[in-house]
Amino acid sequence: MCLLNSLVSDTVRIDIKYGETGHSYSSVFQKCLEDSDKITSVDIEDPYLYHDYQIKNLVRLCELLVLKCKNLKEIKITTNKKNWKKDGTSEKVSDV
């Protein structure tokens, strides 16, 4: 689901089945980024940011936002630290 406050008036739902491929971040978030020049801040809430692949996906999303949103000043990431192992997850997220 894409909810960008007043920038996107309709909720967009994209169903991706388990194991399905061929969906880029650009195509998945296309509707959200139509007015990308108006986006100055993005809040990402992911309570289960935990595994390496999840952090890599977050980085890919952030890269897309920086590329498409020319006026972007801030990306705020909110996650649940109590789910983190003592495997360096906090350092990995801090590096993002």
C-alpha atoms as a PDB file:
ATOM      1  CA  MET A   1       0.000   0.000   0.000  1.00  0.00           C
ATOM      2  CA  CYS A   2       1.208   3.486  -0.788  1.00  0.00           C
ATOM      3  CA  LEU A   3       0.122   6.257   1.516  1.00  0.00           C
ATOM      4  CA  LEU A   4       1.813   9.606   0.978  1.00  0.00           C
ATOM      5  CA  ASN A   5      -0.516  11.906   2.889  1.00  0.00           C
ATOM      6  CA  SER A   6      -2.215  14.213   0.403  1.00  0.00           C
ATOM      7  CA  LEU A   7       0.125  13.550  -2.520  1.00  0.00           C
ATOM      8  CA  VAL A   8      -1.595  10.303  -3.445  1.00  0.00           C
ATOM      9  CA  SER A   9      -5.343  10.582  -3.091  1.00  0.00           C
ATOM     10  CA  ASP A  10      -6.102   6.908  -3.691  1.00  0.00           C
ATOM     11  CA  THR A  11      -4.684   3.911  -1.886  1.00  0.00           C
ATOM     12  CA  VAL A  12      -2.771   1.740  -4.303  1.00  0.00           C
ATOM     13  CA  ARG A  13      -2.573  -1.988  -3.706  1.00  0.00           C
ATOM     14  CA  ILE A  14      -0.140  -4.184  -5.591  1.00  0.00           C
ATOM     15  CA  ASP A  15      -0.408  -7.910  -4.955  1.00  0.00           C
ATOM     16  CA  ILE A  16       2.871  -9.754  -5.389  1.00  0.00           C
ATOM     17  CA  LYS A  17       2.651 -13.477  -4.888  1.00  0.00           C
ATOM     18  CA  TYR A  18       5.305 -15.368  -2.958  1.00  0.00           C
ATOM     19  CA  GLY A  19       8.264 -16.159  -5.210  1.00  0.00           C
ATOM     20  CA  GLU A  20       7.062 -13.890  -8.007  1.00  0.00           C
ATOM     21  CA  THR A  21       9.830 -11.895  -9.704  1.00  0.00           C
ATOM     22  CA  GLY A  22      10.131  -8.988 -12.104  1.00  0.00           C
ATOM     23  CA  HIS A  23       8.877  -6.213  -9.824  1.00  0.00           C
ATOM     24  CA  SER A  24      11.383  -3.375  -9.470  1.00  0.00           C
ATOM     25  CA  TYR A  25      11.151  -0.790  -6.713  1.00  0.00           C
ATOM     26  CA  SER A  26      10.541   1.769  -9.424  1.00  0.00           C
ATOM     27  CA  SER A  27       7.507  -0.116 -10.780  1.00  0.00           C
ATOM     28  CA  VAL A  28       6.108  -0.936  -7.330  1.00  0.00           C
ATOM     29  CA  PHE A  29       6.331   2.671  -6.101  1.00  0.00           C
ATOM     30  CA  GLN A  30       5.565   4.333  -9.464  1.00  0.00           C
ATOM     31  CA  LYS A  31       2.192   5.758  -8.343  1.00  0.00           C
ATOM     32  CA  CYS A  32       3.702   7.106  -5.118  1.00  0.00           C
ATOM     33  CA  LEU A  33       6.485   8.888  -6.971  1.00  0.00           C
ATOM     34  CA  GLU A  34       4.420  10.595  -9.705  1.00  0.00           C
ATOM     35  CA  ASP A  35       4.715  13.943  -7.899  1.00  0.00           C
ATOM     36  CA  SER A  36       8.190  13.207  -6.595  1.00  0.00           C
ATOM     37  CA  ASP A  37       9.270  16.852  -6.907  1.00  0.00           C
ATOM     38  CA  LYS A  38       6.846  17.649  -4.049  1.00  0.00           C
ATOM     39  CA  ILE A  39       8.307  15.063  -1.678  1.00  0.00           C
ATOM     40  CA  THR A  40      10.645  16.588   0.915  1.00  0.00           C
ATOM     41  CA  SER A  41      10.436  13.986   3.684  1.00  0.00           C
ATOM     42  CA  VAL A  42       9.685  10.263   3.881  1.00  0.00           C
ATOM     43  CA  ASP A  43       8.769   8.289   7.011  1.00  0.00           C
ATOM     44  CA  ILE A  44       9.372   4.537   6.794  1.00  0.00           C
ATOM     45  CA  GLU A  45       7.889   2.313   9.490  1.00  0.00           C
ATOM     46  CA  ASP A  46       9.169  -1.271   9.537  1.00  0.00           C
ATOM     47  CA  PRO A  47       8.789  -2.982  12.918  1.00  0.00           C
ATOM     48  CA  TYR A  48      10.599  -6.098  11.680  1.00  0.00           C
ATOM     49  CA  LEU A  49      13.775  -4.653  10.192  1.00  0.00           C
ATOM     50  CA  TYR A  50      16.056  -7.461  11.228  1.00  0.00           C
ATOM     51  CA  HIS A  51      17.693  -9.600   8.516  1.00  0.00           C
ATOM     52  CA  ASP A  52      20.443  -8.566   6.096  1.00  0.00           C
ATOM     53  CA  TYR A  53      18.104  -8.880   3.094  1.00  0.00           C
ATOM     54  CA  GLN A  54      15.600  -6.520   4.786  1.00  0.00           C
ATOM     55  CA  ILE A  55      18.313  -3.935   5.341  1.00  0.00           C
ATOM     56  CA  LYS A  56      19.456  -4.309   1.707  1.00  0.00           C
ATOM     57  CA  ASN A  57      15.861  -3.782   0.550  1.00  0.00           C
ATOM     58  CA  LEU A  58      15.640  -0.667   2.720  1.00  0.00           C
ATOM     59  CA  VAL A  59      18.839   0.662   1.148  1.00  0.00           C
ATOM     60  CA  ARG A  60      17.426   0.031  -2.356  1.00  0.00           C
ATOM     61  CA  LEU A  61      14.249   1.922  -1.458  1.00  0.00           C
ATOM     62  CA  CYS A  62      16.254   4.827  -0.029  1.00  0.00           C
ATOM     63  CA  GLU A  63      18.403   4.936  -3.179  1.00  0.00           C
ATOM     64  CA  LEU A  64      15.259   5.128  -5.330  1.00  0.00           C
ATOM     65  CA  LEU A  65      13.858   7.937  -3.174  1.00  0.00           C
ATOM     66  CA  VAL A  66      17.086   9.932  -3.382  1.00  0.00           C
ATOM     67  CA  LEU A  67      17.222   9.430  -7.148  1.00  0.00           C
ATOM     68  CA  LYS A  68      13.578  10.330  -7.876  1.00  0.00           C
ATOM     69  CA  CYS A  69      12.797  12.948  -5.207  1.00  0.00           C
ATOM     70  CA  LYS A  70      14.976  15.916  -6.073  1.00  0.00           C
ATOM     71  CA  ASN A  71      13.768  17.971  -3.076  1.00  0.00           C
ATOM     72  CA  LEU A  72      14.099  15.172  -0.516  1.00  0.00           C
ATOM     73  CA  LYS A  73      15.707  16.432   2.693  1.00  0.00           C
ATOM     74  CA  GLU A  74      14.971  13.630   5.169  1.00  0.00           C
ATOM     75  CA  ILE A  75      14.238   9.915   5.376  1.00  0.00           C
ATOM     76  CA  LYS A  76      13.074   8.867   8.845  1.00  0.00           C
ATOM     77  CA  ILE A  77      13.184   5.148   9.668  1.00  0.00           C
ATOM     78  CA  THR A  78      11.246   3.767  12.630  1.00  0.00           C
ATOM     79  CA  THR A  79      11.759   0.157  13.686  1.00  0.00           C
ATOM     80  CA  ASN A  80      11.462  -2.031  16.761  1.00  0.00           C
ATOM     81  CA  LYS A  81      14.889  -2.486  18.327  1.00  0.00           C
ATOM     82  CA  LYS A  82      13.759  -5.257  20.655  1.00  0.00           C
ATOM     83  CA  ASN A  83      13.633  -7.623  17.664  1.00  0.00           C
ATOM     84  CA  TRP A  84      17.333  -7.083  16.929  1.00  0.00           C
ATOM     85  CA  LYS A  85      19.814  -9.840  17.664  1.00  0.00           C
ATOM     86  CA  LYS A  86      23.207  -9.104  19.092  1.00  0.00           C
ATOM     87  CA  ASP A  87      24.675  -9.635  15.631  1.00  0.00           C
ATOM     88  CA  GLY A  88      25.365  -6.040  14.694  1.00  0.00           C
ATOM     89  CA  THR A  89      21.863  -5.203  13.428  1.00  0.00           C
ATOM     90  CA  SER A  90      21.919  -1.793  15.114  1.00  0.00           C
ATOM     91  CA  GLU A  91      25.202  -0.914  13.394  1.00  0.00           C
ATOM     92  CA  LYS A  92      23.835  -2.102  10.031  1.00  0.00           C
ATOM     93  CA  VAL A  93      20.726   0.075  10.376  1.00  0.00           C
ATOM     94  CA  SER A  94      22.777   3.038  11.601  1.00  0.00           C
ATOM     95  CA  ASP A  95      24.930   2.748   8.472  1.00  0.00           C
ATOM     96  CA  VAL A  96      21.846   3.205   6.281  1.00  0.00           C
END
